[in-house]
Amino acid sequence: MSRNRKSGQTMVEYIIIVVIIAIAAIAIFGIFGDTIRQKLGGAVSELGGDTGAAATAVGETGDSQQWLKDLGSDGAGSGNGN
């Protein structure tokens, strides 16, 4: 009987932890949702819409990783929106 009780207690503790993590994730996405949406939208348009602009921007900087770090707040690679 005691073992079943401890197993149930452990299950409830895990459920509480998962709920807390889910609430935190929802809060974070609520706060930063617009920024994430802008950056993803800009990145998608750069990668899928105008392939020449992305290649030109990477070619000008010489380093694709640096270009990704310099993405502006609109996600278009302007580098001045952060």
C-alpha atoms as a PDB file:
ATOM      1  CA  MET A   1       0.000   0.000   0.000  1.00  0.00           C
ATOM      2  CA  SER A   2       2.805   2.413   0.874  1.00  0.00           C
ATOM      3  CA  ARG A   3       4.573   1.774  -2.430  1.00  0.00           C
ATOM      4  CA  ASN A   4       1.489   2.669  -4.506  1.00  0.00           C
ATOM      5  CA  ARG A   5       1.076   5.832  -2.494  1.00  0.00           C
ATOM      6  CA  LYS A   6       4.680   6.918  -3.156  1.00  0.00           C
ATOM      7  CA  SER A   7       4.292   6.116  -6.839  1.00  0.00           C
ATOM      8  CA  GLY A   8       1.185   8.297  -7.007  1.00  0.00           C
ATOM      9  CA  GLN A   9       2.966  11.091  -5.174  1.00  0.00           C
ATOM     10  CA  THR A  10       5.866  10.945  -7.629  1.00  0.00           C
ATOM     11  CA  MET A  11       3.453  11.077 -10.572  1.00  0.00           C
ATOM     12  CA  VAL A  12       1.754  14.176  -9.141  1.00  0.00           C
ATOM     13  CA  GLU A  13       5.131  15.855  -8.621  1.00  0.00           C
ATOM     14  CA  TYR A  14       6.091  15.227 -12.259  1.00  0.00           C
ATOM     15  CA  ILE A  15       2.750  16.564 -13.465  1.00  0.00           C
ATOM     16  CA  ILE A  16       3.212  19.726 -11.384  1.00  0.00           C
ATOM     17  CA  ILE A  17       6.693  20.247 -12.839  1.00  0.00           C
ATOM     18  CA  VAL A  18       5.397  19.782 -16.404  1.00  0.00           C
ATOM     19  CA  VAL A  19       2.573  22.262 -15.770  1.00  0.00           C
ATOM     20  CA  ILE A  20       5.005  24.853 -14.382  1.00  0.00           C
ATOM     21  CA  ILE A  21       7.287  24.443 -17.417  1.00  0.00           C
ATOM     22  CA  ALA A  22       4.306  24.740 -19.779  1.00  0.00           C
ATOM     23  CA  ILE A  23       3.098  27.929 -18.082  1.00  0.00           C
ATOM     24  CA  ALA A  24       6.608  29.401 -18.246  1.00  0.00           C
ATOM     25  CA  ALA A  25       6.894  28.536 -21.956  1.00  0.00           C
ATOM     26  CA  ILE A  26       3.515  30.133 -22.691  1.00  0.00           C
ATOM     27  CA  ALA A  27       4.550  33.275 -20.803  1.00  0.00           C
ATOM     28  CA  ILE A  28       7.876  33.488 -22.651  1.00  0.00           C
ATOM     29  CA  PHE A  29       6.225  33.047 -26.054  1.00  0.00           C
ATOM     30  CA  GLY A  30       3.626  35.622 -25.060  1.00  0.00           C
ATOM     31  CA  ILE A  31       6.296  38.165 -24.187  1.00  0.00           C
ATOM     32  CA  PHE A  32       8.673  37.499 -27.083  1.00  0.00           C
ATOM     33  CA  GLY A  33       6.141  36.232 -29.653  1.00  0.00           C
ATOM     34  CA  ASP A  34       6.186  39.331 -31.840  1.00  0.00           C
ATOM     35  CA  THR A  35       9.983  39.411 -31.977  1.00  0.00           C
ATOM     36  CA  ILE A  36      10.189  35.714 -32.808  1.00  0.00           C
ATOM     37  CA  ARG A  37       7.510  36.081 -35.474  1.00  0.00           C
ATOM     38  CA  GLN A  38       9.322  39.051 -37.073  1.00  0.00           C
ATOM     39  CA  LYS A  39      12.687  37.312 -37.155  1.00  0.00           C
ATOM     40  CA  LEU A  40      11.253  34.084 -38.557  1.00  0.00           C
ATOM     41  CA  GLY A  41       9.208  35.993 -41.126  1.00  0.00           C
ATOM     42  CA  GLY A  42      12.256  37.927 -42.285  1.00  0.00           C
ATOM     43  CA  ALA A  43      14.402  34.818 -42.391  1.00  0.00           C
ATOM     44  CA  VAL A  44      11.779  32.912 -44.368  1.00  0.00           C
ATOM     45  CA  SER A  45      11.440  35.733 -46.877  1.00  0.00           C
ATOM     46  CA  GLU A  46      15.218  35.966 -47.230  1.00  0.00           C
ATOM     47  CA  LEU A  47      15.649  32.230 -47.674  1.00  0.00           C
ATOM     48  CA  GLY A  48      12.583  31.464 -49.750  1.00  0.00           C
ATOM     49  CA  GLY A  49      11.456  34.668 -51.395  1.00  0.00           C
ATOM     50  CA  ASP A  50      14.520  36.455 -52.682  1.00  0.00           C
ATOM     51  CA  THR A  51      17.453  34.073 -52.921  1.00  0.00           C
ATOM     52  CA  GLY A  52      19.708  36.677 -54.499  1.00  0.00           C
ATOM     53  CA  ALA A  53      19.442  39.068 -51.549  1.00  0.00           C
ATOM     54  CA  ALA A  54      20.513  36.434 -49.040  1.00  0.00           C
ATOM     55  CA  ALA A  55      23.447  35.358 -51.183  1.00  0.00           C
ATOM     56  CA  THR A  56      24.484  38.978 -51.717  1.00  0.00           C
ATOM     57  CA  ALA A  57      24.292  39.779 -48.006  1.00  0.00           C
ATOM     58  CA  VAL A  58      26.351  36.731 -47.101  1.00  0.00           C
ATOM     59  CA  GLY A  59      28.824  37.535 -49.856  1.00  0.00           C
ATOM     60  CA  GLU A  60      29.258  41.105 -48.627  1.00  0.00           C
ATOM     61  CA  THR A  61      29.979  40.090 -45.041  1.00  0.00           C
ATOM     62  CA  GLY A  62      31.972  37.018 -46.026  1.00  0.00           C
ATOM     63  CA  ASP A  63      30.617  34.967 -43.134  1.00  0.00           C
ATOM     64  CA  SER A  64      27.127  33.503 -43.016  1.00  0.00           C
ATOM     65  CA  GLN A  65      27.276  32.993 -39.241  1.00  0.00           C
ATOM     66  CA  GLN A  66      28.059  36.668 -38.690  1.00  0.00           C
ATOM     67  CA  TRP A  67      25.234  37.647 -41.053  1.00  0.00           C
ATOM     68  CA  LEU A  68      22.799  35.545 -38.985  1.00  0.00           C
ATOM     69  CA  LYS A  69      24.035  37.223 -35.786  1.00  0.00           C
ATOM     70  CA  ASP A  70      23.482  40.646 -37.351  1.00  0.00           C
ATOM     71  CA  LEU A  71      19.824  40.068 -38.247  1.00  0.00           C
ATOM     72  CA  GLY A  72      17.792  43.129 -37.390  1.00  0.00           C
ATOM     73  CA  SER A  73      14.579  43.160 -35.402  1.00  0.00           C
ATOM     74  CA  ASP A  74      12.645  42.768 -38.654  1.00  0.00           C
ATOM     75  CA  GLY A  75      14.702  39.692 -39.548  1.00  0.00           C
ATOM     76  CA  ALA A  76      15.730  41.150 -42.886  1.00  0.00           C
ATOM     77  CA  GLY A  77      19.445  41.286 -42.244  1.00  0.00           C
ATOM     78  CA  SER A  78      19.627  45.043 -41.743  1.00  0.00           C
ATOM     79  CA  GLY A  79      21.660  44.649 -38.560  1.00  0.00           C
ATOM     80  CA  ASN A  80      20.522  47.900 -36.968  1.00  0.00           C
ATOM     81  CA  GLY A  81      17.334  46.848 -35.183  1.00  0.00           C
ATOM     82  CA  ASN A  82      18.767  45.093 -32.136  1.00  0.00           C
END
